[in-house]
N, C-alpha and C. Protein backbone atom coordinates (compact mmCIF):
# COMPACT_ATOMS: atom_id res chain seq x y z
N MET A 1 40.27 16.91 -1.35
CA MET A 1 38.64 16.55 -1.26
C MET A 1 38.25 17.84 -1.05
N GLY A 2 39.10 18.31 0.35
CA GLY A 2 37.66 19.65 0.49
C GLY A 2 38.04 21.14 -0.28
N LYS A 3 37.94 21.84 0.10
CA LYS A 3 37.62 23.07 -0.69
C LYS A 3 37.51 24.42 0.28
N THR A 4 38.86 25.48 0.56
CA THR A 4 38.27 26.45 0.74
C THR A 4 37.40 27.65 0.22
N MET A 5 36.42 28.00 0.93
CA MET A 5 35.85 29.21 -0.07
C MET A 5 35.41 30.18 1.28
N GLY A 6 35.88 31.20 0.58
CA GLY A 6 36.00 32.12 2.00
C GLY A 6 36.51 31.69 3.17
N LYS A 7 35.81 31.88 4.30
CA LYS A 7 36.70 31.38 5.33
C LYS A 7 35.70 29.64 5.81
N VAL A 8 35.13 29.52 4.74
CA VAL A 8 34.51 28.05 4.86
C VAL A 8 34.98 26.92 4.60
N LEU A 9 35.05 25.91 5.00
CA LEU A 9 35.71 24.30 4.49
C LEU A 9 34.49 23.72 4.08
N VAL A 10 34.35 22.77 2.63
CA VAL A 10 33.80 22.49 2.32
C VAL A 10 34.37 21.04 1.67
N ILE A 11 33.52 20.13 2.75
CA ILE A 11 34.13 18.75 2.01
C ILE A 11 33.00 17.94 1.40
N ALA A 12 33.20 17.72 -0.18
CA ALA A 12 32.23 17.09 -0.88
C ALA A 12 32.56 15.63 -0.43
N LYS A 13 31.47 14.93 0.09
CA LYS A 13 32.10 13.42 0.20
C LYS A 13 31.21 12.21 -0.97
N PRO A 14 31.96 11.64 -1.14
CA PRO A 14 31.15 10.73 -2.48
C PRO A 14 29.61 10.20 -2.02
N LEU A 15 29.07 10.09 -3.11
CA LEU A 15 27.47 9.53 -2.48
C LEU A 15 27.78 8.15 -2.53
N GLY A 16 26.84 7.47 -1.29
CA GLY A 16 26.65 6.20 -1.20
C GLY A 16 25.84 5.29 -2.05
N LEU A 17 25.69 3.81 -2.41
CA LEU A 17 24.58 3.16 -2.69
C LEU A 17 23.39 3.67 -2.80
N GLN A 18 22.96 4.16 -1.40
CA GLN A 18 21.77 4.52 -1.12
C GLN A 18 21.31 6.11 -1.59
N ASP A 19 22.66 6.60 -1.27
CA ASP A 19 22.38 8.14 -1.58
C ASP A 19 22.24 8.25 -3.45
N ARG A 20 23.13 7.05 -4.09
CA ARG A 20 22.86 7.03 -5.84
C ARG A 20 21.40 6.24 -6.06
N ILE A 21 20.79 5.48 -5.34
CA ILE A 21 19.59 5.39 -5.76
C ILE A 21 18.89 5.95 -5.57
N ASP A 22 18.31 6.99 -4.33
CA ASP A 22 18.00 8.08 -4.47
C ASP A 22 17.91 9.46 -5.01
N GLY A 23 19.26 9.79 -5.75
CA GLY A 23 18.99 10.42 -6.64
C GLY A 23 18.71 10.24 -8.06
N LEU A 24 18.98 8.69 -8.20
CA LEU A 24 18.18 8.42 -9.48
C LEU A 24 16.58 8.63 -9.42
N ALA A 25 16.06 8.29 -8.34
CA ALA A 25 14.58 8.11 -8.01
C ALA A 25 13.90 9.57 -7.89
N THR A 26 15.07 10.50 -7.88
CA THR A 26 14.11 11.83 -7.58
C THR A 26 14.71 12.34 -8.95
N LEU A 27 15.34 12.09 -9.84
CA LEU A 27 15.72 12.42 -11.16
C LEU A 27 14.59 11.81 -11.77
N ILE A 28 14.32 10.82 -11.96
CA ILE A 28 13.20 10.04 -12.91
C ILE A 28 11.87 11.16 -12.55
N MET A 29 11.74 11.22 -11.65
CA MET A 29 10.47 11.79 -10.58
C MET A 29 10.18 13.06 -11.18
N ARG A 30 11.28 14.23 -11.14
CA ARG A 30 11.73 15.59 -11.48
C ARG A 30 11.44 15.90 -13.17
N ILE A 31 12.39 14.50 -13.98
CA ILE A 31 12.30 14.60 -15.78
C ILE A 31 10.33 14.51 -15.55
N GLY A 32 10.04 13.37 -15.26
CA GLY A 32 8.44 13.16 -15.58
C GLY A 32 7.89 13.98 -15.37
N LEU A 33 7.43 15.01 -13.72
CA LEU A 33 6.98 15.95 -13.16
C LEU A 33 7.21 16.84 -14.81
N ALA A 34 8.19 17.49 -14.58
CA ALA A 34 8.93 18.54 -15.66
C ALA A 34 7.77 18.34 -17.19
N TRP A 35 7.81 17.45 -17.62
CA TRP A 35 7.17 16.46 -18.78
C TRP A 35 6.11 17.06 -18.90
N PHE A 36 5.59 16.32 -17.79
CA PHE A 36 4.05 16.58 -17.93
C PHE A 36 3.58 17.63 -17.86
N ILE A 37 4.08 18.54 -17.18
CA ILE A 37 3.75 20.36 -17.29
C ILE A 37 4.44 20.57 -18.48
N PHE A 38 5.12 20.88 -18.75
CA PHE A 38 5.63 20.69 -19.79
C PHE A 38 4.45 20.75 -21.39
N LEU A 39 4.03 19.88 -21.26
CA LEU A 39 3.32 19.53 -22.50
C LEU A 39 2.07 20.36 -22.23
N TRP A 40 1.61 20.85 -21.13
CA TRP A 40 0.32 21.49 -21.07
C TRP A 40 0.84 23.13 -20.91
N ALA A 41 1.90 23.59 -20.64
CA ALA A 41 2.73 24.55 -21.29
C ALA A 41 2.57 24.84 -22.28
N ALA A 42 2.94 23.97 -22.99
CA ALA A 42 3.78 23.94 -24.63
C ALA A 42 2.16 24.22 -25.35
N HIS A 43 1.13 23.54 -25.04
CA HIS A 43 -0.33 23.62 -25.89
C HIS A 43 -0.58 25.13 -25.26
N LYS A 44 -0.36 25.92 -24.58
CA LYS A 44 -0.79 27.14 -24.04
C LYS A 44 -0.21 27.56 -25.31
N ILE A 45 1.02 27.98 -25.44
CA ILE A 45 2.11 28.25 -26.86
C ILE A 45 1.39 27.95 -28.09
N ILE A 46 1.05 26.70 -28.27
CA ILE A 46 0.66 26.23 -29.19
C ILE A 46 -0.92 26.70 -29.78
N THR A 47 -1.68 26.19 -28.67
CA THR A 47 -3.31 26.53 -28.96
C THR A 47 -3.72 27.52 -28.30
N PRO A 48 -3.18 29.03 -28.06
CA PRO A 48 -3.93 29.97 -26.61
C PRO A 48 -5.37 29.85 -26.88
N GLY A 49 -6.15 29.90 -28.17
CA GLY A 49 -7.47 29.73 -28.28
C GLY A 49 -8.09 28.78 -27.26
N GLN A 50 -7.63 27.92 -27.18
CA GLN A 50 -7.97 26.46 -26.51
C GLN A 50 -8.63 26.82 -25.02
N TYR A 51 -7.19 27.71 -24.39
CA TYR A 51 -7.37 28.12 -22.75
C TYR A 51 -7.99 29.45 -22.76
N GLN A 52 -7.93 29.95 -24.11
CA GLN A 52 -8.78 31.21 -23.95
C GLN A 52 -10.30 30.81 -23.19
N GLY A 53 -10.85 29.59 -23.92
CA GLY A 53 -12.12 29.24 -24.18
C GLY A 53 -11.99 28.51 -22.50
N LEU A 54 -10.90 27.87 -21.88
CA LEU A 54 -11.30 27.01 -20.46
C LEU A 54 -11.15 28.57 -19.27
N ALA A 55 -10.21 29.42 -19.62
CA ALA A 55 -10.33 30.21 -18.80
C ALA A 55 -11.72 31.03 -18.62
N ARG A 56 -12.14 30.87 -19.54
CA ARG A 56 -13.98 31.86 -20.01
C ARG A 56 -14.96 30.77 -19.05
N ARG A 57 -14.73 29.03 -19.28
CA ARG A 57 -15.60 28.55 -19.04
C ARG A 57 -15.75 28.09 -17.47
N PHE A 58 -14.25 28.09 -16.94
CA PHE A 58 -14.16 27.17 -15.41
C PHE A 58 -13.66 28.47 -14.60
N ASP A 59 -13.16 29.82 -15.02
CA ASP A 59 -13.11 30.73 -14.18
C ASP A 59 -13.80 32.05 -14.39
N ASP A 60 -14.71 31.99 -15.63
CA ASP A 60 -15.19 33.17 -16.17
C ASP A 60 -14.41 34.78 -16.17
N VAL A 61 -13.24 34.47 -16.82
CA VAL A 61 -12.50 35.34 -17.22
C VAL A 61 -12.04 35.39 -18.68
N GLU A 62 -11.59 36.26 -19.13
CA GLU A 62 -11.01 36.87 -20.54
C GLU A 62 -10.07 36.95 -20.33
N LEU A 63 -9.50 36.17 -21.03
CA LEU A 63 -7.51 36.12 -21.31
C LEU A 63 -7.08 36.62 -22.70
N SER A 64 -6.19 37.29 -23.02
CA SER A 64 -5.42 38.06 -24.04
C SER A 64 -4.90 36.78 -24.47
N PHE A 65 -4.30 36.40 -25.85
CA PHE A 65 -3.08 35.60 -26.17
C PHE A 65 -1.95 36.32 -25.41
N ALA A 66 -2.14 37.22 -25.16
CA ALA A 66 -0.36 37.58 -24.56
C ALA A 66 -0.17 37.46 -23.22
N GLN A 67 -1.82 37.33 -22.63
CA GLN A 67 -1.57 36.77 -21.17
C GLN A 67 -0.69 34.97 -21.11
N ILE A 68 -2.04 34.46 -21.92
CA ILE A 68 -1.80 32.88 -22.37
C ILE A 68 -0.23 32.65 -22.35
N TYR A 69 0.34 33.24 -23.04
CA TYR A 69 1.38 33.30 -23.58
C TYR A 69 2.42 33.61 -22.92
N ALA A 70 2.03 34.77 -22.00
CA ALA A 70 3.28 34.61 -21.05
C ALA A 70 3.06 34.15 -19.72
N THR A 71 1.88 33.37 -19.49
CA THR A 71 1.77 32.10 -18.16
C THR A 71 2.11 30.85 -18.60
N GLY A 72 2.05 30.48 -20.33
CA GLY A 72 2.73 29.15 -20.64
C GLY A 72 4.29 29.42 -20.95
N THR A 73 4.99 30.57 -21.16
CA THR A 73 6.18 30.81 -21.13
C THR A 73 6.92 30.91 -19.86
N PHE A 74 6.21 31.49 -19.05
CA PHE A 74 6.72 31.32 -17.24
C PHE A 74 6.81 29.73 -17.01
N GLN A 75 5.74 29.04 -17.47
CA GLN A 75 5.64 27.58 -16.61
C GLN A 75 6.48 27.04 -17.18
N ILE A 76 6.82 26.99 -18.91
CA ILE A 76 8.04 26.55 -19.33
C ILE A 76 9.25 26.84 -19.07
N ALA A 77 9.58 28.11 -18.47
CA ALA A 77 10.82 28.20 -17.45
C ALA A 77 11.12 27.56 -16.59
N LEU A 78 9.66 27.33 -15.61
CA LEU A 78 9.82 26.54 -14.38
C LEU A 78 10.02 25.43 -14.64
N CYS A 79 9.62 24.76 -16.05
CA CYS A 79 9.83 23.48 -16.35
C CYS A 79 11.10 23.20 -16.27
N PHE A 80 11.73 24.29 -17.39
CA PHE A 80 13.56 23.97 -17.72
C PHE A 80 14.30 23.72 -15.96
N LEU A 81 13.58 24.56 -15.30
CA LEU A 81 14.02 24.59 -13.79
C LEU A 81 14.26 23.74 -12.26
N VAL A 82 12.74 23.11 -13.04
CA VAL A 82 12.75 21.71 -12.47
C VAL A 82 13.30 20.49 -13.03
N ALA A 83 13.54 20.51 -14.25
CA ALA A 83 14.19 19.41 -14.94
C ALA A 83 15.60 19.19 -14.75
N VAL A 84 16.16 20.43 -14.40
CA VAL A 84 17.67 20.70 -13.86
C VAL A 84 17.77 20.78 -12.78
N GLY A 85 16.88 20.71 -11.96
CA GLY A 85 17.05 20.73 -10.62
C GLY A 85 18.04 22.01 -9.93
N PHE A 86 17.35 23.14 -10.66
CA PHE A 86 17.61 24.88 -9.81
C PHE A 86 16.99 25.28 -9.23
N LEU A 87 17.31 26.29 -8.10
CA LEU A 87 16.01 26.75 -7.34
C LEU A 87 14.99 25.94 -7.15
N ARG A 88 15.66 25.03 -6.60
CA ARG A 88 14.71 23.35 -6.26
C ARG A 88 13.14 24.24 -5.21
N TYR A 89 13.35 24.98 -4.53
CA TYR A 89 12.09 25.30 -3.57
C TYR A 89 11.33 26.26 -4.12
N PHE A 90 11.92 27.09 -4.96
CA PHE A 90 11.27 28.05 -5.61
C PHE A 90 10.68 27.13 -6.82
N SER A 91 11.21 26.43 -8.04
CA SER A 91 10.45 25.69 -8.82
C SER A 91 9.87 24.51 -9.01
N TYR A 92 9.86 23.77 -8.02
CA TYR A 92 9.42 22.40 -7.36
C TYR A 92 8.33 23.03 -7.22
N VAL A 93 8.17 23.82 -5.94
CA VAL A 93 6.86 24.14 -5.43
C VAL A 93 6.20 25.37 -6.03
N GLY A 94 7.01 25.90 -6.85
CA GLY A 94 6.00 26.65 -8.09
C GLY A 94 4.84 25.92 -8.98
N LEU A 95 5.89 25.02 -9.48
CA LEU A 95 4.98 23.83 -10.51
C LEU A 95 3.99 23.23 -9.25
N ALA A 96 3.82 22.89 -8.54
CA ALA A 96 3.13 22.31 -7.43
C ALA A 96 1.74 23.23 -7.00
N LEU A 97 1.98 24.21 -6.79
CA LEU A 97 1.09 25.19 -6.89
C LEU A 97 0.12 25.36 -7.96
N MET A 98 1.16 25.46 -8.87
CA MET A 98 0.44 25.91 -10.19
C MET A 98 -0.72 24.60 -10.52
N HIS A 99 -0.34 23.19 -10.77
CA HIS A 99 -0.99 22.27 -10.47
C HIS A 99 -2.04 22.16 -9.55
N PHE A 100 -1.62 22.43 -8.49
CA PHE A 100 -2.91 22.53 -7.36
C PHE A 100 -4.25 22.85 -7.36
N PHE A 101 -3.85 24.29 -8.27
CA PHE A 101 -4.67 25.27 -8.89
C PHE A 101 -5.59 24.86 -9.57
N THR A 102 -5.05 24.04 -10.93
CA THR A 102 -6.12 23.31 -11.61
C THR A 102 -6.82 21.77 -10.81
N VAL A 103 -5.88 21.41 -9.86
CA VAL A 103 -6.94 20.13 -9.23
C VAL A 103 -8.08 20.87 -8.54
N THR A 104 -7.75 21.64 -7.76
CA THR A 104 -9.12 22.85 -6.93
C THR A 104 -10.13 22.97 -7.55
N ARG A 105 -10.09 23.30 -9.16
CA ARG A 105 -10.75 23.39 -9.85
C ARG A 105 -11.31 22.58 -10.59
N ARG A 106 -11.12 21.08 -10.36
CA ARG A 106 -11.61 20.22 -10.98
C ARG A 106 -12.58 18.90 -9.82
N TRP A 107 -12.87 19.55 -8.43
CA TRP A 107 -13.32 18.58 -7.67
C TRP A 107 -14.06 17.48 -8.14
N GLU A 108 -15.30 17.94 -8.81
CA GLU A 108 -16.31 17.13 -8.81
C GLU A 108 -15.97 15.49 -9.60
N GLY A 109 -14.56 15.43 -10.25
CA GLY A 109 -14.45 14.08 -10.92
C GLY A 109 -14.08 13.55 -10.00
N PHE A 110 -12.70 14.18 -8.76
CA PHE A 110 -12.56 12.82 -7.46
C PHE A 110 -14.38 12.12 -6.94
N LEU A 111 -15.30 13.40 -7.14
CA LEU A 111 -16.44 12.39 -6.22
C LEU A 111 -17.17 10.99 -7.27
N ASP A 112 -16.92 11.76 -8.57
CA ASP A 112 -17.28 9.80 -9.31
C ASP A 112 -16.44 9.79 -10.20
N PRO A 113 -15.29 8.80 -10.04
CA PRO A 113 -13.69 8.81 -10.49
C PRO A 113 -14.54 7.68 -11.45
N PHE A 114 -15.54 6.82 -11.62
CA PHE A 114 -15.91 5.73 -12.46
C PHE A 114 -17.21 6.13 -13.42
N ALA A 115 -17.28 7.62 -13.63
CA ALA A 115 -18.36 8.16 -14.11
C ALA A 115 -17.77 7.90 -15.93
N LEU A 116 -19.17 7.13 -16.82
CA LEU A 116 -18.73 6.90 -17.73
C LEU A 116 -20.59 7.85 -19.13
N ASN A 117 -19.54 8.23 -20.21
CA ASN A 117 -20.38 8.55 -20.88
C ASN A 117 -20.94 7.67 -21.70
N ASP A 118 -21.93 8.11 -22.63
CA ASP A 118 -22.74 7.58 -23.09
C ASP A 118 -22.12 6.25 -24.00
N ASN A 119 -21.31 6.59 -24.43
CA ASN A 119 -20.44 5.42 -25.06
C ASN A 119 -19.53 4.54 -23.95
N GLY A 120 -19.75 4.79 -22.84
CA GLY A 120 -19.01 4.16 -21.86
C GLY A 120 -17.30 4.33 -21.90
N PHE A 121 -17.10 5.88 -21.91
CA PHE A 121 -15.73 5.82 -22.08
C PHE A 121 -15.60 6.64 -20.48
N PRO A 122 -14.50 6.58 -19.89
CA PRO A 122 -14.37 6.91 -18.45
C PRO A 122 -13.93 8.87 -18.60
N ILE A 123 -14.92 9.15 -18.06
CA ILE A 123 -14.24 10.63 -18.03
C ILE A 123 -14.09 11.42 -17.29
N ASN A 124 -13.86 10.99 -16.34
CA ASN A 124 -13.32 11.83 -14.86
C ASN A 124 -11.72 10.87 -14.90
N ARG A 125 -11.20 10.19 -15.70
CA ARG A 125 -9.83 9.96 -15.28
C ARG A 125 -8.67 10.53 -15.69
N ASN A 126 -8.88 11.77 -16.11
CA ASN A 126 -8.11 12.93 -16.05
C ASN A 126 -7.50 13.51 -14.67
N GLN A 127 -9.01 13.37 -13.99
CA GLN A 127 -8.89 14.34 -12.38
C GLN A 127 -8.12 13.31 -11.63
N VAL A 128 -7.76 11.84 -11.90
CA VAL A 128 -7.62 10.96 -10.64
C VAL A 128 -5.96 11.06 -11.15
N ILE A 129 -5.24 11.10 -12.61
CA ILE A 129 -4.44 11.79 -13.14
C ILE A 129 -4.01 12.70 -12.40
N ASP A 130 -4.32 13.89 -12.39
CA ASP A 130 -3.75 14.99 -11.85
C ASP A 130 -4.01 14.56 -10.43
N LEU A 131 -4.48 13.99 -9.80
CA LEU A 131 -4.35 13.90 -8.24
C LEU A 131 -2.96 13.52 -7.82
N ALA A 132 -2.71 12.43 -8.82
CA ALA A 132 -1.32 11.68 -8.96
C ALA A 132 -0.01 12.06 -9.18
N VAL A 133 -0.31 13.17 -10.04
CA VAL A 133 0.81 14.67 -10.29
C VAL A 133 1.11 14.82 -8.95
N LEU A 134 -0.25 15.56 -8.64
CA LEU A 134 -0.16 16.34 -7.18
C LEU A 134 0.60 15.49 -5.89
N VAL A 135 0.03 14.53 -5.95
CA VAL A 135 0.89 13.59 -5.14
C VAL A 135 2.40 13.68 -5.54
N ALA A 136 2.59 13.39 -6.53
CA ALA A 136 4.25 12.96 -6.75
C ALA A 136 5.20 14.22 -6.67
N PHE A 137 4.31 15.46 -7.04
CA PHE A 137 5.47 16.50 -6.68
C PHE A 137 5.34 16.94 -5.07
N THR A 138 4.30 16.79 -4.23
CA THR A 138 4.63 16.66 -2.76
C THR A 138 5.64 15.68 -2.44
N ALA A 139 5.84 14.28 -2.84
CA ALA A 139 6.93 13.63 -2.66
C ALA A 139 8.02 14.24 -2.91
N LEU A 140 7.98 14.71 -4.42
CA LEU A 140 9.31 15.43 -4.99
C LEU A 140 9.97 16.37 -3.84
N ILE A 141 9.32 17.37 -3.59
CA ILE A 141 9.34 18.48 -2.64
C ILE A 141 10.30 17.95 -1.56
N LEU A 142 9.18 16.90 -0.82
CA LEU A 142 9.73 16.40 0.45
C LEU A 142 11.08 15.72 0.20
N LEU A 143 11.63 15.46 -1.01
CA LEU A 143 12.84 14.59 -1.12
C LEU A 143 13.83 15.57 -1.96
N ILE A 144 13.50 16.54 -1.41
CA ILE A 144 14.78 17.83 -2.29
C ILE A 144 15.81 17.13 -1.50
N PRO A 145 16.01 16.83 -0.06
CA PRO A 145 17.88 16.80 0.01
C PRO A 145 18.08 15.51 -0.29
N ARG A 146 17.31 14.61 -0.94
CA ARG A 146 17.61 13.45 -1.26
C ARG A 146 18.05 13.62 -3.13
N ASP A 147 18.08 14.36 -3.43
CA ASP A 147 17.75 15.17 -4.93
C ASP A 147 19.40 15.11 -5.12
N HIS A 148 20.08 14.45 -5.26
CA HIS A 148 21.75 14.39 -5.26
C HIS A 148 22.07 14.97 -6.81
N PHE A 149 20.84 14.15 -7.77
CA PHE A 149 21.61 13.85 -9.51
C PHE A 149 20.69 15.23 -9.83
N SER A 150 20.68 16.62 -9.34
CA SER A 150 20.27 17.88 -9.81
C SER A 150 21.44 18.89 -9.70
N LEU A 151 21.05 20.17 -10.44
CA LEU A 151 22.09 21.15 -10.36
C LEU A 151 22.25 22.00 -8.83
N GLY A 152 20.70 21.67 -7.97
CA GLY A 152 21.28 22.38 -6.89
C GLY A 152 21.81 21.36 -6.17
N GLY A 153 21.35 20.11 -6.20
CA GLY A 153 22.16 19.04 -5.43
C GLY A 153 24.33 18.91 -5.64
N TRP A 154 24.33 19.25 -6.77
CA TRP A 154 25.64 19.30 -7.25
C TRP A 154 26.48 20.42 -6.11
N MET A 155 25.52 21.61 -6.45
CA MET A 155 25.97 22.83 -5.44
C MET A 155 26.16 22.42 -4.41
N ARG A 156 25.39 21.78 -3.83
CA ARG A 156 25.17 21.68 -2.19
C ARG A 156 26.07 20.87 -2.14
N ARG A 157 26.63 19.84 -3.08
CA ARG A 157 27.72 18.82 -2.31
C ARG A 157 29.26 20.44 -2.50
N ARG A 158 28.97 21.22 -3.30
CA ARG A 158 30.08 21.13 -3.83
C ARG A 158 30.45 22.70 -2.89
N ILE A 159 29.37 23.60 -2.85
CA ILE A 159 29.51 24.88 -2.06
C ILE A 159 28.72 24.86 -0.70
N GLY A 160 28.05 23.61 -0.32
CA GLY A 160 26.95 23.61 1.29
C GLY A 160 25.54 24.21 0.73
N PHE A 161 24.77 23.80 1.58
CA PHE A 161 23.84 24.22 1.45
C PHE A 161 23.46 26.08 1.44
N ARG A 162 22.66 26.28 0.44
CA ARG A 162 22.45 27.67 0.28
C ARG A 162 20.92 27.72 -0.03
N TRP A 163 19.77 28.75 0.50
CA TRP A 163 18.51 28.71 1.01
C TRP A 163 17.88 28.12 -1.18
N TRP A 164 18.80 28.65 -2.08
CA TRP A 164 18.14 29.23 -3.10
C TRP A 164 18.50 27.45 -3.97
N GLN A 165 19.04 27.26 -3.52
CA GLN A 165 19.59 25.58 -4.33
C GLN A 165 18.36 24.70 -4.53
């Protein structure tokens, strides 16, 4: 059961029932959050003009298609890292910070979450969803030590803790 790695003996202990439940919960949360952000990132690649307009409207900046493609590609790569659970502190926090940036640009919707347009359609519900996603990212980051069914969790059990897992 134990392995000698250099001068360090690492013992991989089996996961108990609660460890498996926690691992499953973080796996579900991790995949869901990665998928949520992946959809937005993929749309940057599919419809860069839309994001060009959003950057102009919300941030008063002109972005080239190349910049939008680069951003979308980077976000997709981070989504992949989150989905497999590798470089967890970097990837989970990276996506959370990107999402936090989005949330900070839409505060007005939080102040009026029940606003309706002329047709009776709720116009600020995306902001409420964004806030729930940000809270879920925060929980996922706090649960990294319980994220057993990830590449980083597997490596931690096999070779011990490393900062980059």
